[in-house]
Amino acid sequence: MTNAKHAAPAVPAWVPVEVRNYVFHTEQGQPIRGLARSQACHPSTIMRQIRKVEQRRDDPLVDHAIRCLSSDEDDTQTPSELELMQALRRLAMPHALLAIAMGMKQGVILHDTPSGEPDRGTPLSRETAQTLALRGWIAGSQTTAKVLRYRITPAGRAALRDLVARSENHARAMAEAPAGFEGAADRDGPWGGGAKAIRAPVQESPVVALARRKDQSGAPFLNRAMVRAAERLREDYEIAQIGRHDRGSSRPDWEGILKAVETHAPVTMPEGDIARFVTEALSFLGPGLSEVAFRCCCLLDGLETCEKQMGWAARSGKVVLRIALQRLVLFYEDRGTLGPKIG
């Protein structure tokens, strides 16, 4: 029970249990023993959770998030799972960090690399950053600097794997038919029949893995602009897939689109602005390049899988993928939309 004269604000279900107990006790006045009885645990368990969260309040993002949870007038919108997944995916890249200044509405995800390569950064809303910090998916080493720096935690990497798995499971469950992306030795265009269906895996993107490799001169095999273009294509593809479920529209015929590109036939534009934008990008890449970009960036197929399905020589896929990403950078830069759509 609480002594407040009005009903205490509800705590969203996504809030971690230790934070919920902290808010219930410190902000709403509920006794520790009462919380322990309702959760069938010992009062000392609730006490340890409260002390742990109290120590975390030294982090400005966590402190502000808890204040918002306790406020009656808080109208902050909870970020969607897609926004959280995209943010974690960027933070999971090598040398990535989130920089955010107190009082600013947005932070920026940067890559702290010694090469000195310029990075325009990826914007991230303060609400999303607070959610990540409150869940323990990002953590900062400093709490008093003017600009705070956060990096992804092991819990954040585990959460990213779970979010990606749920996203792929949702897409497969909502599809009207089993995945039709198939390939075989006897191929008529990019999508011959006879092989098992290709499904998007949950592991790391092949583009991110390839970006860690070096060329003969010691420079990254894929520069930052190429990786960003691949991430943008992947994000547009995911948004197009999710958007069609929300609108109840038909599934984009990616197989037919790629066949049309391969044979230089007229391409039928799908419903939705984002799906059409993905189609324009694939058409810009042209035959061959469009398929390898779609498989590696959208379906997250590995390079060896692409080489086998497309009948290429071993270790040739990485070269073709780099050429495709170079053209993809030109496509996005020409339209001024290279930055990922998060934040």
Protein backbone atom coordinates (compact mmCIF):
# COMPACT_ATOMS: atom_id res chain seq x y z
CA MET A 1 0.00 0.00 0.00
CA THR A 2 1.09 3.59 -0.53
CA ASN A 3 0.27 6.71 1.38
CA ALA A 4 -0.02 8.82 -1.75
CA LYS A 5 -3.25 10.73 -2.20
CA HIS A 6 -3.57 9.54 -5.75
CA ALA A 7 -2.90 6.31 -7.59
CA ALA A 8 0.76 5.56 -8.17
CA PRO A 9 1.90 5.59 -11.81
CA ALA A 10 2.06 2.16 -13.42
CA VAL A 11 5.49 0.71 -14.18
CA PRO A 12 5.76 -0.78 -17.71
CA ALA A 13 6.15 -4.54 -17.93
CA TRP A 14 9.47 -4.30 -19.82
CA VAL A 15 11.23 -2.69 -16.83
CA PRO A 16 13.65 -5.14 -15.13
CA VAL A 17 12.27 -6.67 -11.94
CA GLU A 18 14.94 -5.12 -9.70
CA VAL A 19 14.13 -1.65 -11.06
CA ARG A 20 10.41 -2.28 -10.58
CA ASN A 21 10.97 -3.25 -6.96
CA TYR A 22 13.14 -0.17 -6.46
CA VAL A 23 10.43 2.13 -7.82
CA PHE A 24 7.71 0.37 -5.84
CA HIS A 25 9.68 0.78 -2.59
CA THR A 26 11.45 4.13 -2.87
CA GLU A 27 9.01 6.09 -5.00
CA GLN A 28 5.65 4.50 -4.15
CA GLY A 29 6.32 3.57 -0.53
CA GLN A 30 5.57 -0.15 -0.70
CA PRO A 31 7.27 -2.13 2.14
CA ILE A 32 10.02 -4.59 1.35
CA ARG A 33 8.25 -7.43 3.15
CA GLY A 34 5.10 -6.83 1.14
CA LEU A 35 7.07 -6.96 -2.13
CA ALA A 36 8.79 -10.16 -0.97
CA ARG A 37 5.47 -11.82 -0.13
CA SER A 38 3.96 -10.90 -3.52
CA GLN A 39 6.98 -12.39 -5.32
CA ALA A 40 7.44 -15.42 -3.04
CA CYS A 41 11.02 -14.57 -2.13
CA HIS A 42 12.99 -13.54 0.96
CA PRO A 43 13.02 -9.84 1.95
CA SER A 44 16.83 -9.86 1.74
CA THR A 45 16.52 -10.57 -2.00
CA ILE A 46 14.43 -7.45 -2.50
CA MET A 47 16.87 -5.47 -0.34
CA ARG A 48 19.85 -6.53 -2.46
CA GLN A 49 18.00 -5.55 -5.63
CA ILE A 50 17.17 -2.11 -4.21
CA ARG A 51 20.78 -1.50 -3.13
CA LYS A 52 22.06 -2.57 -6.55
CA VAL A 53 19.74 -0.15 -8.36
CA GLU A 54 20.62 2.64 -5.92
CA GLN A 55 24.27 2.26 -6.89
CA ARG A 56 23.35 2.36 -10.59
CA ARG A 57 21.65 5.73 -10.13
CA ASP A 58 25.09 7.32 -10.32
CA ASP A 59 24.64 6.83 -14.06
CA PRO A 60 22.74 9.92 -15.33
CA LEU A 61 20.82 7.93 -17.94
CA VAL A 62 19.64 5.38 -15.39
CA ASP A 63 18.78 8.11 -12.88
CA HIS A 64 16.72 10.07 -15.41
CA ALA A 65 14.95 6.90 -16.60
CA ILE A 66 13.92 6.06 -13.03
CA ARG A 67 12.68 9.61 -12.49
CA CYS A 68 10.54 9.28 -15.61
CA LEU A 69 9.10 5.97 -14.36
CA SER A 70 8.16 7.64 -11.07
CA SER A 71 6.62 10.74 -12.63
CA ASP A 72 2.86 11.14 -12.94
CA GLU A 73 3.24 13.42 -15.97
CA ASP A 74 5.75 11.38 -17.91
CA ASP A 75 4.69 10.99 -21.55
CA THR A 76 7.94 9.43 -22.82
CA GLN A 77 7.29 6.83 -25.50
CA THR A 78 8.94 3.45 -25.07
CA PRO A 79 11.24 2.62 -28.02
CA SER A 80 10.09 -0.28 -30.18
CA GLU A 81 11.96 -3.57 -30.35
CA LEU A 82 13.09 -2.65 -33.87
CA GLU A 83 14.69 0.58 -32.62
CA LEU A 84 16.42 -1.27 -29.78
CA MET A 85 17.66 -3.99 -32.14
CA GLN A 86 19.06 -1.50 -34.64
CA ALA A 87 20.80 0.47 -31.89
CA LEU A 88 22.33 -2.66 -30.37
CA ARG A 89 23.44 -3.85 -33.78
CA ARG A 90 25.37 -0.61 -34.33
CA LEU A 91 26.85 -0.73 -30.82
CA ALA A 92 27.92 -4.35 -31.30
CA MET A 93 30.23 -3.37 -34.15
CA PRO A 94 33.97 -3.23 -33.37
CA HIS A 95 35.11 -0.12 -31.44
CA ALA A 96 31.58 1.34 -31.35
CA LEU A 97 30.47 3.63 -28.53
CA LEU A 98 27.56 5.88 -27.69
CA ALA A 99 28.38 9.51 -26.88
CA ILE A 100 25.66 11.63 -25.31
CA ALA A 101 25.79 15.00 -23.57
CA MET A 102 23.56 15.80 -20.63
CA GLY A 103 20.61 17.95 -21.61
CA MET A 104 20.71 16.90 -25.26
CA LYS A 105 17.77 15.11 -26.85
CA GLN A 106 19.99 12.88 -28.97
CA GLY A 107 23.25 11.03 -28.68
CA VAL A 108 25.43 9.64 -31.45
CA ILE A 109 26.95 6.21 -32.04
CA LEU A 110 30.59 6.54 -33.12
CA HIS A 111 33.43 4.19 -33.97
CA ASP A 112 36.51 4.87 -31.87
CA THR A 113 39.18 3.63 -34.29
CA PRO A 114 42.87 4.62 -34.37
CA SER A 115 42.90 4.99 -38.17
CA GLY A 116 41.53 8.53 -38.01
CA GLU A 117 38.86 7.80 -40.61
CA PRO A 118 36.08 10.41 -40.29
CA ASP A 119 32.78 9.19 -38.85
CA ARG A 120 29.60 11.23 -39.11
CA GLY A 121 28.01 8.98 -36.51
CA THR A 122 24.53 7.54 -36.17
CA PRO A 123 21.97 9.55 -34.16
CA LEU A 124 20.24 7.82 -31.24
CA SER A 125 17.36 9.31 -29.29
CA ARG A 126 17.78 9.94 -25.58
CA GLU A 127 14.73 7.77 -24.80
CA THR A 128 16.32 4.79 -26.55
CA ALA A 129 19.63 5.36 -24.75
CA GLN A 130 17.83 5.52 -21.39
CA THR A 131 16.02 2.27 -22.11
CA LEU A 132 19.28 0.54 -23.04
CA ALA A 133 20.99 1.81 -19.89
CA LEU A 134 18.09 0.91 -17.59
CA ARG A 135 18.05 -2.63 -18.92
CA GLY A 136 21.80 -2.93 -18.42
CA TRP A 137 22.50 -3.38 -22.12
CA ILE A 138 24.97 -0.47 -22.23
CA ALA A 139 27.28 0.83 -19.52
CA GLY A 140 29.54 3.86 -19.14
CA SER A 141 32.87 4.21 -17.38
CA GLN A 142 32.33 7.87 -16.39
CA THR A 143 29.31 9.47 -14.73
CA THR A 144 30.40 13.09 -14.24
CA ALA A 145 31.82 14.10 -17.64
CA LYS A 146 30.06 16.60 -19.88
CA VAL A 147 29.90 13.98 -22.63
CA LEU A 148 29.12 10.47 -21.43
CA ARG A 149 30.43 7.43 -23.29
CA TYR A 150 28.70 4.06 -23.26
CA ARG A 151 29.56 0.68 -24.73
CA ILE A 152 27.50 -2.46 -25.18
CA THR A 153 27.62 -4.98 -22.33
CA PRO A 154 27.60 -8.81 -22.50
CA ALA A 155 23.93 -8.62 -21.51
CA GLY A 156 23.36 -6.25 -24.44
CA ARG A 157 24.94 -8.70 -26.88
CA ALA A 158 22.76 -11.50 -25.54
CA ALA A 159 19.71 -9.25 -25.87
CA LEU A 160 20.66 -8.46 -29.49
CA ARG A 161 20.75 -12.16 -30.35
CA ASP A 162 17.34 -12.61 -28.73
CA LEU A 163 15.82 -9.61 -30.52
CA VAL A 164 17.14 -10.72 -33.91
CA ALA A 165 15.82 -14.25 -33.33
CA ARG A 166 12.38 -12.95 -32.38
CA SER A 167 12.32 -10.64 -35.39
CA GLU A 168 13.13 -13.47 -37.79
CA ASN A 169 10.65 -15.83 -36.12
CA HIS A 170 7.92 -13.18 -36.38
CA ALA A 171 8.65 -12.61 -40.06
CA ARG A 172 8.49 -16.33 -40.82
CA ALA A 173 5.32 -16.84 -38.79
CA MET A 174 3.51 -13.98 -40.56
CA ALA A 175 4.53 -15.02 -44.06
CA GLU A 176 1.78 -16.34 -46.28
CA ALA A 177 3.94 -19.21 -47.48
CA PRO A 178 7.30 -20.82 -46.64
CA ALA A 179 10.38 -18.91 -47.76
CA GLY A 180 10.80 -19.21 -51.51
CA PHE A 181 14.43 -18.19 -51.86
CA GLU A 182 15.95 -21.31 -53.36
CA GLY A 183 18.91 -22.11 -55.52
CA ALA A 184 20.35 -25.13 -57.31
CA ALA A 185 23.06 -26.21 -59.72
CA ASP A 186 20.64 -26.06 -62.67
CA ARG A 187 19.77 -22.40 -62.48
CA ASP A 188 17.58 -20.29 -64.72
CA GLY A 189 18.33 -16.82 -63.38
CA PRO A 190 19.21 -16.16 -59.75
CA TRP A 191 16.46 -18.28 -58.14
CA GLY A 192 16.54 -21.80 -59.55
CA GLY A 193 14.64 -24.61 -57.84
CA GLY A 194 15.78 -27.79 -56.14
CA ALA A 195 17.72 -26.68 -53.06
CA LYS A 196 16.46 -26.19 -49.57
CA ALA A 197 15.00 -22.85 -48.58
CA ILE A 198 17.41 -20.19 -47.43
CA ARG A 199 16.49 -18.56 -44.16
CA ALA A 200 18.05 -15.53 -42.54
CA PRO A 201 20.33 -16.75 -39.72
CA VAL A 202 20.73 -15.12 -36.35
CA GLN A 203 24.54 -14.89 -36.33
CA GLU A 204 26.61 -11.83 -37.04
CA SER A 205 26.18 -10.09 -40.38
CA PRO A 206 28.75 -11.29 -42.96
CA VAL A 207 29.39 -7.64 -43.83
CA VAL A 208 30.45 -6.86 -40.25
CA ALA A 209 32.71 -9.93 -40.18
CA LEU A 210 34.28 -8.95 -43.52
CA ALA A 211 34.81 -5.37 -42.31
CA ARG A 212 37.25 -6.64 -39.67
CA ARG A 213 39.54 -8.10 -42.31
CA LYS A 214 42.41 -6.18 -43.93
CA ASP A 215 43.45 -5.94 -47.55
CA GLN A 216 47.02 -6.25 -48.82
CA SER A 217 47.81 -2.65 -47.85
CA GLY A 218 46.60 -3.13 -44.29
CA ALA A 219 43.45 -1.03 -44.74
CA PRO A 220 40.02 -2.41 -43.83
CA PHE A 221 38.61 -4.59 -46.61
CA LEU A 222 35.30 -2.70 -46.28
CA ASN A 223 35.35 0.95 -45.28
CA ARG A 224 32.85 2.49 -42.90
CA ALA A 225 30.63 3.88 -45.67
CA MET A 226 30.20 0.40 -47.17
CA VAL A 227 29.25 -1.09 -43.80
CA ARG A 228 26.80 1.73 -43.20
CA ALA A 229 25.22 1.23 -46.63
CA ALA A 230 24.81 -2.49 -45.93
CA GLU A 231 23.20 -1.74 -42.55
CA ARG A 232 20.86 0.76 -44.18
CA LEU A 233 19.74 -1.78 -46.78
CA ARG A 234 19.14 -4.33 -44.03
CA GLU A 235 17.14 -1.83 -41.96
CA ASP A 236 15.00 -0.80 -44.93
CA TYR A 237 14.33 -4.46 -45.68
CA GLU A 238 13.29 -5.13 -42.06
CA ILE A 239 11.04 -2.07 -41.95
CA ALA A 240 9.42 -3.11 -45.23
CA GLN A 241 8.78 -6.60 -43.86
CA ILE A 242 7.31 -5.32 -40.58
CA GLY A 243 5.33 -2.56 -42.26
CA ARG A 244 3.46 -4.96 -44.51
CA HIS A 245 2.25 -6.93 -41.46
CA ASP A 246 0.95 -3.74 -39.83
CA ARG A 247 -0.85 -2.64 -43.01
CA GLY A 248 -2.06 -6.12 -43.90
CA SER A 249 -0.57 -5.73 -47.39
CA SER A 250 0.86 -8.52 -49.50
CA ARG A 251 4.40 -9.81 -49.16
CA PRO A 252 6.88 -8.12 -51.55
CA ASP A 253 7.91 -10.52 -54.29
CA TRP A 254 11.67 -10.20 -53.77
CA GLU A 255 12.26 -13.30 -55.89
CA GLY A 256 10.40 -11.78 -58.82
CA ILE A 257 12.15 -8.44 -58.36
CA LEU A 258 15.60 -10.02 -58.47
CA LYS A 259 14.65 -12.13 -61.48
CA ALA A 260 13.53 -8.98 -63.29
CA VAL A 261 16.81 -7.24 -62.45
CA GLU A 262 18.79 -10.28 -63.59
CA THR A 263 17.03 -10.41 -66.97
CA HIS A 264 16.80 -6.61 -67.46
CA ALA A 265 13.01 -6.90 -67.48
CA PRO A 266 10.70 -4.13 -66.17
CA VAL A 267 10.54 -4.24 -62.36
CA THR A 268 7.12 -4.18 -60.71
CA MET A 269 7.26 -1.84 -57.72
CA PRO A 270 5.82 -3.32 -54.47
CA GLU A 271 3.47 -1.56 -52.06
CA GLY A 272 4.96 0.82 -49.51
CA ASP A 273 7.57 3.55 -49.81
CA ILE A 274 10.31 1.59 -47.99
CA ALA A 275 9.77 -1.56 -50.09
CA ARG A 276 9.95 0.55 -53.25
CA PHE A 277 13.16 2.16 -51.99
CA VAL A 278 14.74 -1.28 -51.46
CA THR A 279 13.62 -2.25 -54.96
CA GLU A 280 15.21 0.89 -56.41
CA ALA A 281 18.47 0.07 -54.64
CA LEU A 282 18.49 -3.49 -56.02
CA SER A 283 17.70 -2.20 -59.51
CA PHE A 284 20.57 0.29 -59.26
CA LEU A 285 23.01 -2.50 -58.41
CA GLY A 286 22.04 -4.53 -61.46
CA PRO A 287 22.40 -8.25 -62.24
CA GLY A 288 24.59 -10.32 -59.93
CA LEU A 289 25.41 -7.48 -57.58
CA SER A 290 21.80 -7.10 -56.50
CA GLU A 291 21.52 -10.77 -55.54
CA VAL A 292 24.72 -10.93 -53.50
CA ALA A 293 23.78 -7.70 -51.70
CA PHE A 294 20.29 -9.01 -50.95
CA ARG A 295 21.58 -12.36 -49.70
CA CYS A 296 24.39 -10.97 -47.53
CA CYS A 297 22.79 -7.73 -46.29
CA CYS A 298 19.11 -8.65 -46.03
CA LEU A 299 19.03 -12.43 -45.54
CA LEU A 300 22.41 -12.43 -43.73
CA ASP A 301 23.62 -15.43 -45.74
CA GLY A 302 27.31 -16.19 -45.36
CA LEU A 303 29.72 -15.69 -48.24
CA GLU A 304 30.34 -19.42 -48.63
CA THR A 305 26.61 -20.02 -48.87
CA CYS A 306 26.25 -17.31 -51.52
CA GLU A 307 29.15 -18.68 -53.54
CA LYS A 308 27.65 -22.17 -53.48
CA GLN A 309 24.11 -21.07 -54.32
CA MET A 310 25.20 -18.72 -57.10
CA GLY A 311 27.77 -21.11 -58.61
CA TRP A 312 30.81 -18.89 -58.01
CA ALA A 313 34.41 -19.87 -57.34
CA ALA A 314 35.51 -20.13 -53.74
CA ARG A 315 36.58 -16.87 -52.07
CA SER A 316 35.23 -14.80 -54.96
CA GLY A 317 32.13 -13.66 -53.08
CA LYS A 318 33.94 -11.13 -50.91
CA VAL A 319 35.25 -9.28 -53.98
CA VAL A 320 31.84 -9.18 -55.65
CA LEU A 321 30.22 -8.08 -52.38
CA ARG A 322 32.70 -5.21 -52.03
CA ILE A 323 31.89 -4.05 -55.57
CA ALA A 324 28.17 -4.25 -54.76
CA LEU A 325 28.62 -2.21 -51.59
CA GLN A 326 30.65 0.41 -53.45
CA ARG A 327 27.71 0.92 -55.81
CA LEU A 328 25.27 0.82 -52.90
CA VAL A 329 27.17 3.70 -51.26
CA LEU A 330 26.77 5.71 -54.49
CA PHE A 331 23.03 4.97 -54.50
CA TYR A 332 22.47 6.19 -50.94
CA GLU A 333 24.84 9.17 -51.22
CA ASP A 334 23.11 10.30 -54.42
CA ARG A 335 19.83 10.41 -52.49
CA GLY A 336 21.34 11.79 -49.28
CA THR A 337 20.10 8.84 -47.21
CA LEU A 338 23.26 6.98 -46.24
CA GLY A 339 22.71 7.28 -42.48
CA PRO A 340 20.84 4.42 -40.75
CA LYS A 341 17.23 5.15 -39.81
CA ILE A 342 17.51 4.99 -36.01
CA GLY A 343 17.28 7.77 -33.49
